[in-house]
C-alpha atoms as a PDB file:
ATOM      1  CA  MET A   1      -1.444  -3.793 -25.075  1.00  0.00           C
ATOM      2  CA  ILE A   2      -0.149  -6.626 -22.868  1.00  0.00           C
ATOM      3  CA  GLN A   3       2.533  -4.388 -21.390  1.00  0.00           C
ATOM      4  CA  ARG A   4      -0.065  -1.692 -20.608  1.00  0.00           C
ATOM      5  CA  ASN A   5      -2.322  -4.263 -18.910  1.00  0.00           C
ATOM      6  CA  ARG A   6       0.612  -5.506 -16.857  1.00  0.00           C
ATOM      7  CA  ARG A   7       1.401  -1.941 -15.837  1.00  0.00           C
ATOM      8  CA  VAL A   8      -2.215  -1.291 -14.854  1.00  0.00           C
ATOM      9  CA  THR A   9      -2.375  -4.587 -12.952  1.00  0.00           C
ATOM     10  CA  PHE A  10       0.857  -3.801 -11.128  1.00  0.00           C
ATOM     11  CA  LEU A  11      -0.344  -0.308 -10.202  1.00  0.00           C
ATOM     12  CA  VAL A  12      -3.692  -1.477  -8.820  1.00  0.00           C
ATOM     13  CA  LEU A  13      -2.206  -4.406  -6.914  1.00  0.00           C
ATOM     14  CA  THR A  14       0.520  -2.210  -5.448  1.00  0.00           C
ATOM     15  CA  LEU A  15      -2.023   0.338  -4.296  1.00  0.00           C
ATOM     16  CA  CYS A  16      -4.172  -2.398  -2.781  1.00  0.00           C
ATOM     17  CA  VAL A  17      -1.234  -3.919  -0.896  1.00  0.00           C
ATOM     18  CA  PHE A  18      -0.567  -0.581   0.770  1.00  0.00           C
ATOM     19  CA  PHE A  19      -4.163   0.309   1.578  1.00  0.00           C
ATOM     20  CA  VAL A  20      -5.834  -3.009   2.474  1.00  0.00           C
ATOM     21  CA  PRO A  21      -4.127  -3.397   5.884  1.00  0.00           C
ATOM     22  CA  TYR A  22      -5.066   0.179   6.756  1.00  0.00           C
ATOM     23  CA  LEU A  23      -8.675  -0.383   5.740  1.00  0.00           C
ATOM     24  CA  ALA A  24      -8.949  -3.689   7.593  1.00  0.00           C
ATOM     25  CA  ILE A  25      -8.655  -1.870  10.919  1.00  0.00           C
ATOM     26  CA  SER A  26     -12.281  -0.794  10.734  1.00  0.00           C
ATOM     27  CA  ALA A  27     -15.282  -3.135  10.403  1.00  0.00           C
ATOM     28  CA  GLU A  28     -17.317  -0.718   8.281  1.00  0.00           C
ATOM     29  CA  LYS A  29     -17.313  -0.881   4.490  1.00  0.00           C
ATOM     30  CA  LYS A  30     -14.576   1.300   3.062  1.00  0.00           C
ATOM     31  CA  VAL A  31     -14.375   3.146  -0.226  1.00  0.00           C
ATOM     32  CA  VAL A  32     -11.002   3.590  -1.892  1.00  0.00           C
ATOM     33  CA  ARG A  33     -10.897   6.265  -4.576  1.00  0.00           C
ATOM     34  CA  ILE A  34      -8.235   5.819  -7.243  1.00  0.00           C
ATOM     35  CA  TRP A  35      -7.518   8.633  -9.682  1.00  0.00           C
ATOM     36  CA  HIS A  36      -5.398   7.707 -12.686  1.00  0.00           C
ATOM     37  CA  THR A  37      -4.600   8.874 -16.202  1.00  0.00           C
ATOM     38  CA  GLU A  38      -5.300   5.663 -18.102  1.00  0.00           C
ATOM     39  CA  THR A  39      -8.217   7.101 -20.088  1.00  0.00           C
ATOM     40  CA  GLU A  40      -8.297   4.684 -23.014  1.00  0.00           C
ATOM     41  CA  PRO A  41     -11.381   2.437 -22.843  1.00  0.00           C
ATOM     42  CA  GLN A  42      -9.379  -0.795 -22.784  1.00  0.00           C
ATOM     43  CA  SER A  43      -7.254   0.511 -19.899  1.00  0.00           C
ATOM     44  CA  VAL A  44     -10.301   1.595 -17.910  1.00  0.00           C
ATOM     45  CA  ALA A  45     -11.835  -1.840 -18.558  1.00  0.00           C
ATOM     46  CA  ALA A  46      -8.619  -3.554 -17.404  1.00  0.00           C
ATOM     47  CA  PHE A  47      -8.629  -1.475 -14.216  1.00  0.00           C
ATOM     48  CA  GLN A  48     -12.278  -2.358 -13.636  1.00  0.00           C
ATOM     49  CA  GLN A  49     -11.678  -6.094 -14.077  1.00  0.00           C
ATOM     50  CA  ILE A  50      -8.874  -5.992 -11.521  1.00  0.00           C
ATOM     51  CA  ILE A  51     -11.095  -3.954  -9.197  1.00  0.00           C
ATOM     52  CA  ASN A  52     -13.956  -6.442  -9.600  1.00  0.00           C
ATOM     53  CA  ASP A  53     -11.645  -9.356  -8.784  1.00  0.00           C
ATOM     54  CA  PHE A  54     -10.265  -7.515  -5.759  1.00  0.00           C
ATOM     55  CA  GLU A  55     -13.734  -6.619  -4.458  1.00  0.00           C
ATOM     56  CA  LYS A  56     -14.805 -10.283  -4.682  1.00  0.00           C
ATOM     57  CA  LEU A  57     -11.926 -11.160  -2.362  1.00  0.00           C
ATOM     58  CA  HIS A  58     -12.580  -8.158  -0.090  1.00  0.00           C
ATOM     59  CA  PRO A  59     -16.351  -7.519   0.036  1.00  0.00           C
ATOM     60  CA  ASP A  60     -15.891  -4.892   2.765  1.00  0.00           C
ATOM     61  CA  ILE A  61     -13.972  -2.634   0.362  1.00  0.00           C
ATOM     62  CA  THR A  62     -15.347  -0.741  -2.626  1.00  0.00           C
ATOM     63  CA  ILE A  63     -12.883   0.721  -5.107  1.00  0.00           C
ATOM     64  CA  LYS A  64     -13.956   3.618  -7.309  1.00  0.00           C
ATOM     65  CA  GLN A  65     -11.701   4.519 -10.182  1.00  0.00           C
ATOM     66  CA  GLU A  66     -11.688   7.821 -11.992  1.00  0.00           C
ATOM     67  CA  ALA A  67      -9.750   8.201 -15.236  1.00  0.00           C
ATOM     68  CA  LEU A  68      -8.609  11.765 -15.865  1.00  0.00           C
ATOM     69  CA  ALA A  69      -6.471  13.519 -18.456  1.00  0.00           C
ATOM     70  CA  TRP A  70      -3.024  14.489 -17.118  1.00  0.00           C
ATOM     71  CA  GLY A  71      -3.891  18.195 -16.933  1.00  0.00           C
ATOM     72  CA  ASP A  72      -7.196  17.473 -15.236  1.00  0.00           C
ATOM     73  CA  LEU A  73      -5.597  15.121 -12.720  1.00  0.00           C
ATOM     74  CA  GLU A  74      -3.087  17.700 -11.548  1.00  0.00           C
ATOM     75  CA  ALA A  75      -5.709  20.455 -11.185  1.00  0.00           C
ATOM     76  CA  LYS A  76      -8.212  18.177  -9.441  1.00  0.00           C
ATOM     77  CA  LEU A  77      -5.567  16.699  -7.152  1.00  0.00           C
ATOM     78  CA  THR A  78      -4.298  20.166  -6.220  1.00  0.00           C
ATOM     79  CA  ALA A  79      -7.819  21.247  -5.252  1.00  0.00           C
ATOM     80  CA  ALA A  80      -8.507  18.013  -3.359  1.00  0.00           C
ATOM     81  CA  LEU A  81      -5.241  18.254  -1.419  1.00  0.00           C
ATOM     82  CA  ALA A  82      -5.913  21.897  -0.540  1.00  0.00           C
ATOM     83  CA  ALA A  83      -9.419  20.941   0.654  1.00  0.00           C
ATOM     84  CA  GLY A  84      -8.068  18.043   2.708  1.00  0.00           C
ATOM     85  CA  SER A  85      -9.991  15.402   0.754  1.00  0.00           C
ATOM     86  CA  PRO A  86      -7.610  13.756  -1.717  1.00  0.00           C
ATOM     87  CA  PRO A  87      -8.248  10.281  -3.116  1.00  0.00           C
ATOM     88  CA  GLU A  88      -6.777   7.353  -1.239  1.00  0.00           C
ATOM     89  CA  ALA A  89      -4.575   6.553  -4.248  1.00  0.00           C
ATOM     90  CA  SER A  90      -3.334   8.427  -7.273  1.00  0.00           C
ATOM     91  CA  HIS A  91      -0.205   8.823  -9.311  1.00  0.00           C
ATOM     92  CA  GLY A  92       1.676  11.680 -10.825  1.00  0.00           C
ATOM     93  CA  GLN A  93       4.980  12.940 -12.051  1.00  0.00           C
ATOM     94  CA  ALA A  94       7.855  13.538  -9.661  1.00  0.00           C
ATOM     95  CA  VAL A  95       7.868  17.260 -10.432  1.00  0.00           C
ATOM     96  CA  THR A  96       4.175  17.484  -9.513  1.00  0.00           C
ATOM     97  CA  CYS A  97       4.767  15.710  -6.205  1.00  0.00           C
ATOM     98  CA  ALA A  98       7.692  18.030  -5.466  1.00  0.00           C
ATOM     99  CA  SER A  99       5.436  21.003  -6.167  1.00  0.00           C
ATOM    100  CA  PHE A 100       2.754  19.656  -3.815  1.00  0.00           C
ATOM    101  CA  TYR A 101       5.401  19.133  -1.136  1.00  0.00           C
ATOM    102  CA  ALA A 102       6.754  22.674  -1.550  1.00  0.00           C
ATOM    103  CA  LYS A 103       3.204  24.038  -1.172  1.00  0.00           C
ATOM    104  CA  GLY A 104       2.679  22.037   2.026  1.00  0.00           C
ATOM    105  CA  LEU A 105      -0.078  19.926   0.460  1.00  0.00           C
ATOM    106  CA  LEU A 106       1.454  16.527   1.290  1.00  0.00           C
ATOM    107  CA  ARG A 107       1.452  15.011   4.750  1.00  0.00           C
ATOM    108  CA  ASP A 108       3.869  12.665   6.446  1.00  0.00           C
ATOM    109  CA  GLN A 109       2.949   9.015   5.875  1.00  0.00           C
ATOM    110  CA  GLU A 110       4.895   7.593   8.819  1.00  0.00           C
ATOM    111  CA  ASP A 111       1.712   7.067  10.857  1.00  0.00           C
ATOM    112  CA  ILE A 112       0.101   4.760   8.301  1.00  0.00           C
END
């Protein structure tokens, strides 16, 4: 349980470190969507506590988490990438990312 909470904490903080500077460019309130596969209630609650703490420090940013089963995440992410509206943060397996790249669904991140 402690190791899972540490992993969840690390994931959320890492995502925030990468996206907060990008979001700070604009003065308007930003929404960051995070899709993950930590569907167990205690994991979702741990994510939410970290999100709540982060939002207190950054009131101009709202983080919305969505916990999905692995199979649902891949299908939903594929559709969102194809539509040009993926979440700001997600995770997946290397083979899935390679598949997205081969299909031309990923974009270069050098401009961020």
